[in-house]
Amino acid sequence: PGRDVRLTSQTLVERAQPLLGTQYVWGGVTEEGIDCSGFTQFLFKTYG
């Protein structure tokens, strides 16, 4: 939390890169499987 970041399409894609192609899994929150809200939760969690 508190890191100075800017949300741009480029930074978002870079931050999401490790999860691109990860299979959809209901209730998942990691690269082993992730659902729609788990994915958005992860991205914002990394911004604190």
ModelCIF file with pLDDT and N, C-alpha, C, O atoms, coordinates in Angstrom:
data_MODEL
#
_entry.id   MODEL 
#
_entity.id                         1 
_entity.type                       polymer 
_entity.pdbx_number_of_molecules   1 
#
_entity_poly.entity_id                      1 
_entity_poly.type                           'polypeptide(L)' 
_entity_poly.nstd_linkage                   no 
_entity_poly.nstd_monomer                   no 
_entity_poly.pdbx_seq_one_letter_code       PGRDVRLTSQTLVERAQPLLGTQYVWGGVTEEGIDCSGFTQFLFKTYG 
_entity_poly.pdbx_seq_one_letter_code_can   PGRDVRLTSQTLVERAQPLLGTQYVWGGVTEEGIDCSGFTQFLFKTYG 
_entity_poly.pdbx_strand_id                 A 
#
loop_
_entity_poly_seq.entity_id 
_entity_poly_seq.num 
_entity_poly_seq.mon_id 
_entity_poly_seq.hetero 
1 1  PRO n 
1 2  GLY n 
1 3  ARG n 
1 4  ASP n 
1 5  VAL n 
1 6  ARG n 
1 7  LEU n 
1 8  THR n 
1 9  SER n 
1 10 GLN n 
1 11 THR n 
1 12 LEU n 
1 13 VAL n 
1 14 GLU n 
1 15 ARG n 
1 16 ALA n 
1 17 GLN n 
1 18 PRO n 
1 19 LEU n 
1 20 LEU n 
1 21 GLY n 
1 22 THR n 
1 23 GLN n 
1 24 TYR n 
1 25 VAL n 
1 26 TRP n 
1 27 GLY n 
1 28 GLY n 
1 29 VAL n 
1 30 THR n 
1 31 GLU n 
1 32 GLU n 
1 33 GLY n 
1 34 ILE n 
1 35 ASP n 
1 36 CYS n 
1 37 SER n 
1 38 GLY n 
1 39 PHE n 
1 40 THR n 
1 41 GLN n 
1 42 PHE n 
1 43 LEU n 
1 44 PHE n 
1 45 LYS n 
1 46 THR n 
1 47 TYR n 
1 48 GLY n 
#
_struct_asym.id          A 
_struct_asym.entity_id   1 
#
loop_
_ma_qa_metric.id 
_ma_qa_metric.mode 
_ma_qa_metric.name 
_ma_qa_metric.software_group_id 
_ma_qa_metric.type 
1 global pLDDT . pLDDT 
2 local  pLDDT . pLDDT 
#
_ma_qa_metric_global.metric_id      1 
_ma_qa_metric_global.metric_value   87.17 
_ma_qa_metric_global.model_id       1 
_ma_qa_metric_global.ordinal_id     1 
#
loop_
_ma_qa_metric_local.label_asym_id 
_ma_qa_metric_local.label_comp_id 
_ma_qa_metric_local.label_seq_id 
_ma_qa_metric_local.metric_id 
_ma_qa_metric_local.metric_value 
_ma_qa_metric_local.model_id 
_ma_qa_metric_local.ordinal_id 
A PRO 1  2 59.00 1 1  
A GLY 2  2 54.00 1 2  
A ARG 3  2 51.00 1 3  
A ASP 4  2 54.00 1 4  
A VAL 5  2 60.00 1 5  
A ARG 6  2 73.00 1 6  
A LEU 7  2 82.00 1 7  
A THR 8  2 87.00 1 8  
A SER 9  2 91.00 1 9  
A GLN 10 2 91.00 1 10 
A THR 11 2 88.00 1 11 
A LEU 12 2 91.00 1 12 
A VAL 13 2 92.00 1 13 
A GLU 14 2 89.00 1 14 
A ARG 15 2 88.00 1 15 
A ALA 16 2 92.00 1 16 
A GLN 17 2 91.00 1 17 
A PRO 18 2 90.00 1 18 
A LEU 19 2 93.00 1 19 
A LEU 20 2 94.00 1 20 
A GLY 21 2 95.00 1 21 
A THR 22 2 94.00 1 22 
A GLN 23 2 95.00 1 23 
A TYR 24 2 95.00 1 24 
A VAL 25 2 94.00 1 25 
A TRP 26 2 93.00 1 26 
A GLY 27 2 92.00 1 27 
A GLY 28 2 93.00 1 28 
A VAL 29 2 92.00 1 29 
A THR 30 2 91.00 1 30 
A GLU 31 2 90.00 1 31 
A GLU 32 2 90.00 1 32 
A GLY 33 2 93.00 1 33 
A ILE 34 2 95.00 1 34 
A ASP 35 2 95.00 1 35 
A CYS 36 2 96.00 1 36 
A SER 37 2 96.00 1 37 
A GLY 38 2 95.00 1 38 
A PHE 39 2 96.00 1 39 
A THR 40 2 96.00 1 40 
A GLN 41 2 94.00 1 41 
A PHE 42 2 91.00 1 42 
A LEU 43 2 91.00 1 43 
A PHE 44 2 90.00 1 44 
A LYS 45 2 87.00 1 45 
A THR 46 2 83.00 1 46 
A TYR 47 2 82.00 1 47 
A GLY 48 2 80.00 1 48 
#
loop_
_atom_site.group_PDB 
_atom_site.id 
_atom_site.type_symbol 
_atom_site.label_atom_id 
_atom_site.label_alt_id 
_atom_site.label_comp_id 
_atom_site.label_asym_id 
_atom_site.label_entity_id 
_atom_site.label_seq_id 
_atom_site.pdbx_PDB_ins_code 
_atom_site.Cartn_x 
_atom_site.Cartn_y 
_atom_site.Cartn_z 
_atom_site.occupancy 
_atom_site.B_iso_or_equiv 
_atom_site.pdbx_formal_charge 
_atom_site.auth_seq_id 
_atom_site.auth_comp_id 
_atom_site.auth_asym_id 
_atom_site.auth_atom_id 
_atom_site.pdbx_PDB_model_num 
ATOM 1   N N  . PRO A 1 1  ? 0.831   -1.207  0.000   1.00 59.00 ? 1  PRO A N  1 
ATOM 2   C CA . PRO A 1 1  ? 0.000   0.000   0.000   1.00 59.00 ? 1  PRO A CA 1 
ATOM 3   C C  . PRO A 1 1  ? 0.862   1.252   0.000   1.00 59.00 ? 1  PRO A C  1 
ATOM 4   O O  . PRO A 1 1  ? 1.893   1.317   0.669   1.00 59.00 ? 1  PRO A O  1 
ATOM 5   N N  . GLY A 1 2  ? 0.417   2.250   -0.768  1.00 54.00 ? 2  GLY A N  1 
ATOM 6   C CA . GLY A 1 2  ? 1.116   3.519   -0.763  1.00 54.00 ? 2  GLY A CA 1 
ATOM 7   C C  . GLY A 1 2  ? 2.113   3.689   -1.887  1.00 54.00 ? 2  GLY A C  1 
ATOM 8   O O  . GLY A 1 2  ? 2.683   4.767   -2.054  1.00 54.00 ? 2  GLY A O  1 
ATOM 9   N N  . ARG A 1 3  ? 2.332   2.636   -2.661  1.00 51.00 ? 3  ARG A N  1 
ATOM 10  C CA . ARG A 1 3  ? 3.256   2.783   -3.782  1.00 51.00 ? 3  ARG A CA 1 
ATOM 11  C C  . ARG A 1 3  ? 2.664   3.722   -4.820  1.00 51.00 ? 3  ARG A C  1 
ATOM 12  O O  . ARG A 1 3  ? 1.472   3.654   -5.120  1.00 51.00 ? 3  ARG A O  1 
ATOM 13  N N  . ASP A 1 4  ? 3.487   4.585   -5.359  1.00 54.00 ? 4  ASP A N  1 
ATOM 14  C CA . ASP A 1 4  ? 3.022   5.575   -6.327  1.00 54.00 ? 4  ASP A CA 1 
ATOM 15  C C  . ASP A 1 4  ? 2.874   4.897   -7.692  1.00 54.00 ? 4  ASP A C  1 
ATOM 16  O O  . ASP A 1 4  ? 3.871   4.609   -8.354  1.00 54.00 ? 4  ASP A O  1 
ATOM 17  N N  . VAL A 1 5  ? 1.636   4.643   -8.111  1.00 60.00 ? 5  VAL A N  1 
ATOM 18  C CA . VAL A 1 5  ? 1.394   3.966   -9.374  1.00 60.00 ? 5  VAL A CA 1 
ATOM 19  C C  . VAL A 1 5  ? 0.359   4.754   -10.176 1.00 60.00 ? 5  VAL A C  1 
ATOM 20  O O  . VAL A 1 5  ? -0.431  5.526   -9.631  1.00 60.00 ? 5  VAL A O  1 
ATOM 21  N N  . ARG A 1 6  ? 0.393   4.533   -11.472 1.00 73.00 ? 6  ARG A N  1 
ATOM 22  C CA . ARG A 1 6  ? -0.625  5.092   -12.346 1.00 73.00 ? 6  ARG A CA 1 
ATOM 23  C C  . ARG A 1 6  ? -1.263  3.949   -13.120 1.00 73.00 ? 6  ARG A C  1 
ATOM 24  O O  . ARG A 1 6  ? -0.583  3.055   -13.623 1.00 73.00 ? 6  ARG A O  1 
ATOM 25  N N  . LEU A 1 7  ? -2.579  4.003   -13.199 1.00 82.00 ? 7  LEU A N  1 
ATOM 26  C CA . LEU A 1 7  ? -3.292  2.976   -13.930 1.00 82.00 ? 7  LEU A CA 1 
ATOM 27  C C  . LEU A 1 7  ? -3.363  3.376   -15.402 1.00 82.00 ? 7  LEU A C  1 
ATOM 28  O O  . LEU A 1 7  ? -4.089  4.298   -15.772 1.00 82.00 ? 7  LEU A O  1 
ATOM 29  N N  . THR A 1 8  ? -2.616  2.684   -16.216 1.00 87.00 ? 8  THR A N  1 
ATOM 30  C CA . THR A 1 8  ? -2.686  2.850   -17.656 1.00 87.00 ? 8  THR A CA 1 
ATOM 31  C C  . THR A 1 8  ? -2.912  1.467   -18.252 1.00 87.00 ? 8  THR A C  1 
ATOM 32  O O  . THR A 1 8  ? -2.708  0.455   -17.581 1.00 87.00 ? 8  THR A O  1 
ATOM 33  N N  . SER A 1 9  ? -3.329  1.424   -19.496 1.00 91.00 ? 9  SER A N  1 
ATOM 34  C CA . SER A 1 9  ? -3.535  0.120   -20.121 1.00 91.00 ? 9  SER A CA 1 
ATOM 35  C C  . SER A 1 9  ? -2.237  -0.686  -20.111 1.00 91.00 ? 9  SER A C  1 
ATOM 36  O O  . SER A 1 9  ? -2.268  -1.907  -19.956 1.00 91.00 ? 9  SER A O  1 
ATOM 37  N N  . GLN A 1 10 ? -1.106  -0.014  -20.274 1.00 91.00 ? 10 GLN A N  1 
ATOM 38  C CA . GLN A 1 10 ? 0.178   -0.715  -20.300 1.00 91.00 ? 10 GLN A CA 1 
ATOM 39  C C  . GLN A 1 10 ? 0.532   -1.290  -18.936 1.00 91.00 ? 10 GLN A C  1 
ATOM 40  O O  . GLN A 1 10 ? 0.923   -2.452  -18.833 1.00 91.00 ? 10 GLN A O  1 
ATOM 41  N N  . THR A 1 11 ? 0.394   -0.464  -17.866 1.00 88.00 ? 11 THR A N  1 
ATOM 42  C CA . THR A 1 11 ? 0.747   -0.970  -16.539 1.00 88.00 ? 11 THR A CA 1 
ATOM 43  C C  . THR A 1 11 ? -0.207  -2.065  -16.089 1.00 88.00 ? 11 THR A C  1 
ATOM 44  O O  . THR A 1 11 ? 0.204   -3.003  -15.406 1.00 88.00 ? 11 THR A O  1 
ATOM 45  N N  . LEU A 1 12 ? -1.472  -1.955  -16.466 1.00 91.00 ? 12 LEU A N  1 
ATOM 46  C CA . LEU A 1 12 ? -2.436  -2.994  -16.098 1.00 91.00 ? 12 LEU A CA 1 
ATOM 47  C C  . LEU A 1 12 ? -2.109  -4.312  -16.780 1.00 91.00 ? 12 LEU A C  1 
ATOM 48  O O  . LEU A 1 12 ? -2.165  -5.372  -16.157 1.00 91.00 ? 12 LEU A O  1 
ATOM 49  N N  . VAL A 1 13 ? -1.769  -4.243  -18.050 1.00 92.00 ? 13 VAL A N  1 
ATOM 50  C CA . VAL A 1 13 ? -1.413  -5.462  -18.776 1.00 92.00 ? 13 VAL A CA 1 
ATOM 51  C C  . VAL A 1 13 ? -0.148  -6.074  -18.186 1.00 92.00 ? 13 VAL A C  1 
ATOM 52  O O  . VAL A 1 13 ? -0.057  -7.294  -18.048 1.00 92.00 ? 13 VAL A O  1 
ATOM 53  N N  . GLU A 1 14 ? 0.828   -5.238  -17.836 1.00 89.00 ? 14 GLU A N  1 
ATOM 54  C CA . GLU A 1 14 ? 2.058   -5.749  -17.226 1.00 89.00 ? 14 GLU A CA 1 
ATOM 55  C C  . GLU A 1 14 ? 1.755   -6.426  -15.899 1.00 89.00 ? 14 GLU A C  1 
ATOM 56  O O  . GLU A 1 14 ? 2.281   -7.501  -15.611 1.00 89.00 ? 14 GLU A O  1 
ATOM 57  N N  . ARG A 1 15 ? 0.899   -5.792  -15.082 1.00 88.00 ? 15 ARG A N  1 
ATOM 58  C CA . ARG A 1 15 ? 0.567   -6.356  -13.780 1.00 88.00 ? 15 ARG A CA 1 
ATOM 59  C C  . ARG A 1 15 ? -0.225  -7.657  -13.917 1.00 88.00 ? 15 ARG A C  1 
ATOM 60  O O  . ARG A 1 15 ? -0.081  -8.564  -13.097 1.00 88.00 ? 15 ARG A O  1 
ATOM 61  N N  . ALA A 1 16 ? -1.058  -7.744  -14.953 1.00 92.00 ? 16 ALA A N  1 
ATOM 62  C CA . ALA A 1 16 ? -1.894  -8.937  -15.147 1.00 92.00 ? 16 ALA A CA 1 
ATOM 63  C C  . ALA A 1 16 ? -1.174  -10.039 -15.921 1.00 92.00 ? 16 ALA A C  1 
ATOM 64  O O  . ALA A 1 16 ? -1.684  -11.155 -16.023 1.00 92.00 ? 16 ALA A O  1 
ATOM 65  N N  . GLN A 1 17 ? -0.002  -9.738  -16.462 1.00 91.00 ? 17 GLN A N  1 
ATOM 66  C CA . GLN A 1 17 ? 0.702   -10.676 -17.341 1.00 91.00 ? 17 GLN A CA 1 
ATOM 67  C C  . GLN A 1 17 ? 0.842   -12.089 -16.760 1.00 91.00 ? 17 GLN A C  1 
ATOM 68  O O  . GLN A 1 17 ? 0.620   -13.062 -17.480 1.00 91.00 ? 17 GLN A O  1 
ATOM 69  N N  . PRO A 1 18 ? 1.206   -12.229 -15.471 1.00 90.00 ? 18 PRO A N  1 
ATOM 70  C CA . PRO A 1 18 ? 1.378   -13.588 -14.936 1.00 90.00 ? 18 PRO A CA 1 
ATOM 71  C C  . PRO A 1 18 ? 0.097   -14.412 -14.939 1.00 90.00 ? 18 PRO A C  1 
ATOM 72  O O  . PRO A 1 18 ? 0.152   -15.639 -14.846 1.00 90.00 ? 18 PRO A O  1 
ATOM 73  N N  . LEU A 1 19 ? -1.059  -13.752 -15.045 1.00 93.00 ? 19 LEU A N  1 
ATOM 74  C CA . LEU A 1 19 ? -2.320  -14.480 -14.984 1.00 93.00 ? 19 LEU A CA 1 
ATOM 75  C C  . LEU A 1 19 ? -2.974  -14.658 -16.345 1.00 93.00 ? 19 LEU A C  1 
ATOM 76  O O  . LEU A 1 19 ? -3.982  -15.357 -16.445 1.00 93.00 ? 19 LEU A O  1 
ATOM 77  N N  . LEU A 1 20 ? -2.433  -14.050 -17.399 1.00 94.00 ? 20 LEU A N  1 
ATOM 78  C CA . LEU A 1 20 ? -3.035  -14.205 -18.724 1.00 94.00 ? 20 LEU A CA 1 
ATOM 79  C C  . LEU A 1 20 ? -3.038  -15.682 -19.127 1.00 94.00 ? 20 LEU A C  1 
ATOM 80  O O  . LEU A 1 20 ? -2.018  -16.366 -19.044 1.00 94.00 ? 20 LEU A O  1 
ATOM 81  N N  . GLY A 1 21 ? -4.189  -16.149 -19.559 1.00 95.00 ? 21 GLY A N  1 
ATOM 82  C CA . GLY A 1 21 ? -4.325  -17.548 -19.939 1.00 95.00 ? 21 GLY A CA 1 
ATOM 83  C C  . GLY A 1 21 ? -4.680  -18.465 -18.790 1.00 95.00 ? 21 GLY A C  1 
ATOM 84  O O  . GLY A 1 21 ? -4.967  -19.641 -19.010 1.00 95.00 ? 21 GLY A O  1 
ATOM 85  N N  . THR A 1 22 ? -4.669  -17.951 -17.556 1.00 94.00 ? 22 THR A N  1 
ATOM 86  C CA . THR A 1 22 ? -5.033  -18.786 -16.397 1.00 94.00 ? 22 THR A CA 1 
ATOM 87  C C  . THR A 1 22 ? -6.479  -19.257 -16.542 1.00 94.00 ? 22 THR A C  1 
ATOM 88  O O  . THR A 1 22 ? -7.363  -18.474 -16.888 1.00 94.00 ? 22 THR A O  1 
ATOM 89  N N  . GLN A 1 23 ? -6.708  -20.530 -16.277 1.00 95.00 ? 23 GLN A N  1 
ATOM 90  C CA . GLN A 1 23 ? -8.048  -21.073 -16.449 1.00 95.00 ? 23 GLN A CA 1 
ATOM 91  C C  . GLN A 1 23 ? -9.028  -20.462 -15.451 1.00 95.00 ? 23 GLN A C  1 
ATOM 92  O O  . GLN A 1 23 ? -8.668  -20.116 -14.326 1.00 95.00 ? 23 GLN A O  1 
ATOM 93  N N  . TYR A 1 24 ? -10.280 -20.340 -15.899 1.00 95.00 ? 24 TYR A N  1 
ATOM 94  C CA . TYR A 1 24 ? -11.342 -19.838 -15.023 1.00 95.00 ? 24 TYR A CA 1 
ATOM 95  C C  . TYR A 1 24 ? -11.735 -20.949 -14.053 1.00 95.00 ? 24 TYR A C  1 
ATOM 96  O O  . TYR A 1 24 ? -12.087 -22.053 -14.468 1.00 95.00 ? 24 TYR A O  1 
ATOM 97  N N  . VAL A 1 25 ? -11.671 -20.645 -12.761 1.00 94.00 ? 25 VAL A N  1 
ATOM 98  C CA . VAL A 1 25 ? -12.086 -21.586 -11.722 1.00 94.00 ? 25 VAL A CA 1 
ATOM 99  C C  . VAL A 1 25 ? -12.937 -20.818 -10.712 1.00 94.00 ? 25 VAL A C  1 
ATOM 100 O O  . VAL A 1 25 ? -12.492 -19.823 -10.141 1.00 94.00 ? 25 VAL A O  1 
ATOM 101 N N  . TRP A 1 26 ? -14.141 -21.283 -10.502 1.00 93.00 ? 26 TRP A N  1 
ATOM 102 C CA . TRP A 1 26 ? -15.039 -20.644 -9.544  1.00 93.00 ? 26 TRP A CA 1 
ATOM 103 C C  . TRP A 1 26 ? -14.400 -20.635 -8.150  1.00 93.00 ? 26 TRP A C  1 
ATOM 104 O O  . TRP A 1 26 ? -14.008 -21.684 -7.639  1.00 93.00 ? 26 TRP A O  1 
ATOM 105 N N  . GLY A 1 27 ? -14.297 -19.456 -7.541  1.00 92.00 ? 27 GLY A N  1 
ATOM 106 C CA . GLY A 1 27 ? -13.706 -19.339 -6.217  1.00 92.00 ? 27 GLY A CA 1 
ATOM 107 C C  . GLY A 1 27 ? -12.201 -19.256 -6.208  1.00 92.00 ? 27 GLY A C  1 
ATOM 108 O O  . GLY A 1 27 ? -11.600 -19.164 -5.138  1.00 92.00 ? 27 GLY A O  1 
ATOM 109 N N  . GLY A 1 28 ? -11.559 -19.287 -7.392  1.00 93.00 ? 28 GLY A N  1 
ATOM 110 C CA . GLY A 1 28 ? -10.103 -19.259 -7.449  1.00 93.00 ? 28 GLY A CA 1 
ATOM 111 C C  . GLY A 1 28 ? -9.539  -17.855 -7.342  1.00 93.00 ? 28 GLY A C  1 
ATOM 112 O O  . GLY A 1 28 ? -10.194 -16.881 -7.716  1.00 93.00 ? 28 GLY A O  1 
ATOM 113 N N  . VAL A 1 29 ? -8.287  -17.754 -6.816  1.00 92.00 ? 29 VAL A N  1 
ATOM 114 C CA . VAL A 1 29 ? -7.656  -16.441 -6.637  1.00 92.00 ? 29 VAL A CA 1 
ATOM 115 C C  . VAL A 1 29 ? -6.187  -16.427 -7.041  1.00 92.00 ? 29 VAL A C  1 
ATOM 116 O O  . VAL A 1 29 ? -5.506  -15.427 -6.813  1.00 92.00 ? 29 VAL A O  1 
ATOM 117 N N  . THR A 1 30 ? -5.677  -17.510 -7.635  1.00 91.00 ? 30 THR A N  1 
ATOM 118 C CA . THR A 1 30 ? -4.258  -17.572 -8.001  1.00 91.00 ? 30 THR A CA 1 
ATOM 119 C C  . THR A 1 30 ? -4.126  -18.081 -9.431  1.00 91.00 ? 30 THR A C  1 
ATOM 120 O O  . THR A 1 30 ? -5.123  -18.340 -10.106 1.00 91.00 ? 30 THR A O  1 
ATOM 121 N N  . GLU A 1 31 ? -2.864  -18.222 -9.890  1.00 90.00 ? 31 GLU A N  1 
ATOM 122 C CA . GLU A 1 31 ? -2.623  -18.713 -11.242 1.00 90.00 ? 31 GLU A CA 1 
ATOM 123 C C  . GLU A 1 31 ? -2.969  -20.189 -11.397 1.00 90.00 ? 31 GLU A C  1 
ATOM 124 O O  . GLU A 1 31 ? -2.911  -20.717 -12.508 1.00 90.00 ? 31 GLU A O  1 
ATOM 125 N N  . GLU A 1 32 ? -3.325  -20.864 -10.312 1.00 90.00 ? 32 GLU A N  1 
ATOM 126 C CA . GLU A 1 32 ? -3.814  -22.241 -10.423 1.00 90.00 ? 32 GLU A CA 1 
ATOM 127 C C  . GLU A 1 32 ? -5.256  -22.269 -10.904 1.00 90.00 ? 32 GLU A C  1 
ATOM 128 O O  . GLU A 1 32 ? -5.776  -23.330 -11.252 1.00 90.00 ? 32 GLU A O  1 
ATOM 129 N N  . GLY A 1 33 ? -5.896  -21.126 -10.927 1.00 93.00 ? 33 GLY A N  1 
ATOM 130 C CA . GLY A 1 33 ? -7.294  -21.002 -11.330 1.00 93.00 ? 33 GLY A CA 1 
ATOM 131 C C  . GLY A 1 33 ? -7.883  -19.771 -10.674 1.00 93.00 ? 33 GLY A C  1 
ATOM 132 O O  . GLY A 1 33 ? -7.661  -19.535 -9.487  1.00 93.00 ? 33 GLY A O  1 
ATOM 133 N N  . ILE A 1 34 ? -8.641  -18.972 -11.439 1.00 95.00 ? 34 ILE A N  1 
ATOM 134 C CA . ILE A 1 34 ? -9.131  -17.713 -10.890 1.00 95.00 ? 34 ILE A CA 1 
ATOM 135 C C  . ILE A 1 34 ? -10.473 -17.364 -11.540 1.00 95.00 ? 34 ILE A C  1 
ATOM 136 O O  . ILE A 1 34 ? -10.694 -17.646 -12.718 1.00 95.00 ? 34 ILE A O  1 
ATOM 137 N N  . ASP A 1 35 ? -11.371 -16.745 -10.755 1.00 95.00 ? 35 ASP A N  1 
ATOM 138 C CA . ASP A 1 35 ? -12.653 -16.317 -11.318 1.00 95.00 ? 35 ASP A CA 1 
ATOM 139 C C  . ASP A 1 35 ? -12.614 -14.814 -11.602 1.00 95.00 ? 35 ASP A C  1 
ATOM 140 O O  . ASP A 1 35 ? -11.587 -14.168 -11.390 1.00 95.00 ? 35 ASP A O  1 
ATOM 141 N N  . CYS A 1 36 ? -13.738 -14.255 -12.084 1.00 96.00 ? 36 CYS A N  1 
ATOM 142 C CA . CYS A 1 36 ? -13.725 -12.864 -12.548 1.00 96.00 ? 36 CYS A CA 1 
ATOM 143 C C  . CYS A 1 36 ? -13.426 -11.883 -11.422 1.00 96.00 ? 36 CYS A C  1 
ATOM 144 O O  . CYS A 1 36 ? -12.605 -10.982 -11.589 1.00 96.00 ? 36 CYS A O  1 
ATOM 145 N N  . SER A 1 37 ? -14.082 -12.048 -10.285 1.00 96.00 ? 37 SER A N  1 
ATOM 146 C CA . SER A 1 37 ? -13.864 -11.114 -9.179  1.00 96.00 ? 37 SER A CA 1 
ATOM 147 C C  . SER A 1 37 ? -12.549 -11.386 -8.468  1.00 96.00 ? 37 SER A C  1 
ATOM 148 O O  . SER A 1 37 ? -11.954 -10.470 -7.901  1.00 96.00 ? 37 SER A O  1 
ATOM 149 N N  . GLY A 1 38 ? -12.086 -12.636 -8.490  1.00 95.00 ? 38 GLY A N  1 
ATOM 150 C CA . GLY A 1 38 ? -10.775 -12.938 -7.932  1.00 95.00 ? 38 GLY A CA 1 
ATOM 151 C C  . GLY A 1 38 ? -9.677  -12.252 -8.730  1.00 95.00 ? 38 GLY A C  1 
ATOM 152 O O  . GLY A 1 38 ? -8.671  -11.821 -8.166  1.00 95.00 ? 38 GLY A O  1 
ATOM 153 N N  . PHE A 1 39 ? -9.868  -12.148 -10.047 1.00 96.00 ? 39 PHE A N  1 
ATOM 154 C CA . PHE A 1 39 ? -8.895  -11.490 -10.909 1.00 96.00 ? 39 PHE A CA 1 
ATOM 155 C C  . PHE A 1 39 ? -8.839  -9.988  -10.632 1.00 96.00 ? 39 PHE A C  1 
ATOM 156 O O  . PHE A 1 39 ? -7.751  -9.436  -10.468 1.00 96.00 ? 39 PHE A O  1 
ATOM 157 N N  . THR A 1 40 ? -9.995  -9.318  -10.577 1.00 96.00 ? 40 THR A N  1 
ATOM 158 C CA . THR A 1 40 ? -9.988  -7.881  -10.290 1.00 96.00 ? 40 THR A CA 1 
ATOM 159 C C  . THR A 1 40 ? -9.512  -7.619  -8.866  1.00 96.00 ? 40 THR A C  1 
ATOM 160 O O  . THR A 1 40 ? -8.843  -6.618  -8.608  1.00 96.00 ? 40 THR A O  1 
ATOM 161 N N  . GLN A 1 41 ? -9.850  -8.501  -7.954  1.00 94.00 ? 41 GLN A N  1 
ATOM 162 C CA . GLN A 1 41 ? -9.389  -8.350  -6.575  1.00 94.00 ? 41 GLN A CA 1 
ATOM 163 C C  . GLN A 1 41 ? -7.873  -8.426  -6.507  1.00 94.00 ? 41 GLN A C  1 
ATOM 164 O O  . GLN A 1 41 ? -7.244  -7.651  -5.787  1.00 94.00 ? 41 GLN A O  1 
ATOM 165 N N  . PHE A 1 42 ? -7.278  -9.358  -7.255  1.00 91.00 ? 42 PHE A N  1 
ATOM 166 C CA . PHE A 1 42 ? -5.822  -9.482  -7.277  1.00 91.00 ? 42 PHE A CA 1 
ATOM 167 C C  . PHE A 1 42 ? -5.173  -8.204  -7.801  1.00 91.00 ? 42 PHE A C  1 
ATOM 168 O O  . PHE A 1 42 ? -4.243  -7.683  -7.186  1.00 91.00 ? 42 PHE A O  1 
ATOM 169 N N  . LEU A 1 43 ? -5.664  -7.692  -8.948  1.00 91.00 ? 43 LEU A N  1 
ATOM 170 C CA . LEU A 1 43 ? -5.045  -6.512  -9.537  1.00 91.00 ? 43 LEU A CA 1 
ATOM 171 C C  . LEU A 1 43 ? -5.064  -5.328  -8.569  1.00 91.00 ? 43 LEU A C  1 
ATOM 172 O O  . LEU A 1 43 ? -4.058  -4.632  -8.427  1.00 91.00 ? 43 LEU A O  1 
ATOM 173 N N  . PHE A 1 44 ? -6.188  -5.097  -7.910  1.00 90.00 ? 44 PHE A N  1 
ATOM 174 C CA . PHE A 1 44 ? -6.266  -3.952  -7.004  1.00 90.00 ? 44 PHE A CA 1 
ATOM 175 C C  . PHE A 1 44 ? -5.514  -4.212  -5.704  1.00 90.00 ? 44 PHE A C  1 
ATOM 176 O O  . PHE A 1 44 ? -5.012  -3.279  -5.078  1.00 90.00 ? 44 PHE A O  1 
ATOM 177 N N  . LYS A 1 45 ? -5.438  -5.455  -5.305  1.00 87.00 ? 45 LYS A N  1 
ATOM 178 C CA . LYS A 1 45 ? -4.673  -5.789  -4.094  1.00 87.00 ? 45 LYS A CA 1 
ATOM 179 C C  . LYS A 1 45 ? -3.210  -5.401  -4.274  1.00 87.00 ? 45 LYS A C  1 
ATOM 180 O O  . LYS A 1 45 ? -2.559  -4.960  -3.326  1.00 87.00 ? 45 LYS A O  1 
ATOM 181 N N  . THR A 1 46 ? -2.699  -5.565  -5.482  1.00 83.00 ? 46 THR A N  1 
ATOM 182 C CA . THR A 1 46 ? -1.299  -5.217  -5.717  1.00 83.00 ? 46 THR A CA 1 
ATOM 183 C C  . THR A 1 46 ? -1.078  -3.703  -5.700  1.00 83.00 ? 46 THR A C  1 
ATOM 184 O O  . THR A 1 46 ? 0.065   -3.250  -5.628  1.00 83.00 ? 46 THR A O  1 
ATOM 185 N N  . TYR A 1 47 ? -2.143  -2.925  -5.764  1.00 82.00 ? 47 TYR A N  1 
ATOM 186 C CA . TYR A 1 47 ? -2.053  -1.469  -5.621  1.00 82.00 ? 47 TYR A CA 1 
ATOM 187 C C  . TYR A 1 47 ? -2.406  -1.026  -4.199  1.00 82.00 ? 47 TYR A C  1 
ATOM 188 O O  . TYR A 1 47 ? -2.542  0.167   -3.929  1.00 82.00 ? 47 TYR A O  1 
ATOM 189 N N  . GLY A 1 48 ? -2.551  -1.998  -3.295  1.00 80.00 ? 48 GLY A N  1 
ATOM 190 C CA . GLY A 1 48 ? -2.846  -1.672  -1.899  1.00 80.00 ? 48 GLY A CA 1 
ATOM 191 C C  . GLY A 1 48 ? -4.311  -1.469  -1.608  1.00 80.00 ? 48 GLY A C  1 
ATOM 192 O O  . GLY A 1 48 ? -4.681  -1.191  -0.467  1.00 80.00 ? 48 GLY A O  1 
#
